[in-house]
């Protein structure tokens, strides 16, 4: 399934409203004038208010389960709006799928 490629300007959130900051190691390949991201890049979540009972359990990172299969940058699979990313807490426990709010609309990958 094809989707619009994610770049460092894409907006992502955890399912509880925390914002995802993308840090990419890609310094060569761009989509709509911003560097494209890969499954091996860093996705840090800030501001997640999630609680389990009375204990704080915020989402902290994103692990991509199914990246693009046909497009790679430096041997790393790219990401697109059709991919699945799981938000994880400090214990690496899954807390829901990442929500892709928006991305560039000029380049598609799969």
Protein backbone atom coordinates (compact mmCIF):
# COMPACT_ATOMS: atom_id res chain seq x y z
CA UNK A 1 0.00 0.00 0.00
CA UNK A 2 1.48 3.34 -1.02
CA UNK A 3 1.48 6.41 1.18
CA UNK A 4 2.97 9.88 1.27
CA UNK A 5 6.58 9.78 2.45
CA UNK A 6 7.37 11.19 5.87
CA UNK A 7 9.97 13.93 6.22
CA UNK A 8 11.33 15.83 9.22
CA UNK A 9 8.48 18.35 8.92
CA UNK A 10 5.77 15.68 9.26
CA UNK A 11 3.51 15.97 12.30
CA UNK A 12 3.07 12.84 14.43
CA UNK A 13 1.44 12.25 17.83
CA UNK A 14 1.04 9.41 20.27
CA UNK A 15 -2.58 8.24 20.70
CA UNK A 16 -2.83 10.34 23.88
CA UNK A 17 -1.82 13.65 22.25
CA UNK A 18 1.92 13.73 22.97
CA UNK A 19 4.01 15.27 20.17
CA UNK A 20 6.71 13.35 18.30
CA UNK A 21 10.06 15.01 17.55
CA UNK A 22 11.84 13.43 14.59
CA UNK A 23 15.63 13.41 14.38
CA UNK A 24 16.96 12.03 11.09
CA UNK A 25 20.46 10.97 10.14
CA UNK A 26 19.59 11.45 6.45
CA UNK A 27 21.35 14.51 5.05
CA UNK A 28 20.92 13.90 1.31
CA UNK A 29 17.43 12.81 0.27
CA UNK A 30 14.54 15.28 0.49
CA UNK A 31 10.81 15.24 -0.13
CA UNK A 32 9.18 18.64 -0.54
CA UNK A 33 12.37 20.45 0.60
CA UNK A 34 12.78 18.55 3.90
CA UNK A 35 14.88 15.48 4.65
CA UNK A 36 13.03 12.15 4.41
CA UNK A 37 13.02 9.89 7.46
CA UNK A 38 13.73 6.19 7.85
CA UNK A 39 12.67 3.53 10.31
CA UNK A 40 16.14 3.76 11.91
CA UNK A 41 15.80 7.45 12.79
CA UNK A 42 14.93 8.71 16.28
CA UNK A 43 11.32 9.48 17.26
CA UNK A 44 10.99 10.98 20.77
CA UNK A 45 7.58 11.71 22.29
CA UNK A 46 7.03 14.64 24.67
CA UNK A 47 3.94 15.69 26.59
CA UNK A 48 2.10 12.37 26.73
CA UNK A 49 -0.35 12.47 29.68
CA UNK A 50 -1.17 8.73 29.73
CA UNK A 51 -1.80 7.14 33.13
CA UNK A 52 -2.35 3.53 34.17
CA UNK A 53 -4.51 3.88 37.24
CA UNK A 54 -2.72 6.51 39.33
CA UNK A 55 0.73 5.80 37.82
CA UNK A 56 2.18 7.94 35.06
CA UNK A 57 3.03 5.88 31.95
CA UNK A 58 3.79 8.34 29.16
CA UNK A 59 4.68 7.30 25.62
CA UNK A 60 8.38 8.08 25.06
CA UNK A 61 9.46 6.62 21.70
CA UNK A 62 8.12 5.17 18.47
CA UNK A 63 9.16 1.79 17.03
CA UNK A 64 8.17 1.23 13.42
CA UNK A 65 6.76 -2.26 12.87
CA UNK A 66 6.13 -2.12 9.14
CA UNK A 67 8.27 0.40 7.20
CA UNK A 68 8.26 0.88 3.43
CA UNK A 69 9.40 -2.23 1.59
CA UNK A 70 10.56 -0.79 -1.73
CA UNK A 71 12.21 2.55 -0.94
CA UNK A 72 15.43 2.87 1.06
CA UNK A 73 17.89 5.61 2.01
CA UNK A 74 21.40 4.38 2.91
CA UNK A 75 19.99 0.82 3.11
CA UNK A 76 17.35 1.92 5.66
CA UNK A 77 13.64 1.61 4.78
CA UNK A 78 11.78 4.90 4.46
CA UNK A 79 8.50 5.69 6.19
CA UNK A 80 5.17 6.80 4.77
CA UNK A 81 1.66 7.57 5.92
CA UNK A 82 0.66 3.94 5.33
CA UNK A 83 3.22 2.50 7.80
CA UNK A 84 2.59 1.26 11.32
CA UNK A 85 4.50 2.68 14.28
CA UNK A 86 3.99 1.66 17.91
CA UNK A 87 4.34 4.15 20.77
CA UNK A 88 6.30 2.73 23.71
CA UNK A 89 6.67 3.69 27.38
CA UNK A 90 9.88 3.58 29.45
CA UNK A 91 9.54 -0.23 29.86
CA UNK A 92 9.19 -0.56 26.05
CA UNK A 93 5.56 -1.65 26.50
CA UNK A 94 3.29 -0.76 23.56
CA UNK A 95 0.68 1.91 24.29
CA UNK A 96 -0.96 2.37 20.90
CA UNK A 97 -0.20 3.28 17.31
CA UNK A 98 1.44 6.54 16.34
CA UNK A 99 -0.96 9.00 14.69
CA UNK A 100 0.31 10.66 11.52
CA UNK A 101 -1.36 14.09 11.45
CA UNK A 102 0.20 15.42 8.27
CA UNK A 103 3.10 14.94 5.90
CA UNK A 104 4.29 16.24 2.56
CA UNK A 105 2.08 15.34 -0.41
CA UNK A 106 4.47 15.33 -3.37
CA UNK A 107 6.34 12.03 -2.93
CA UNK A 108 4.79 8.61 -2.35
CA UNK A 109 6.49 5.36 -1.39
CA UNK A 110 5.54 1.82 -0.50
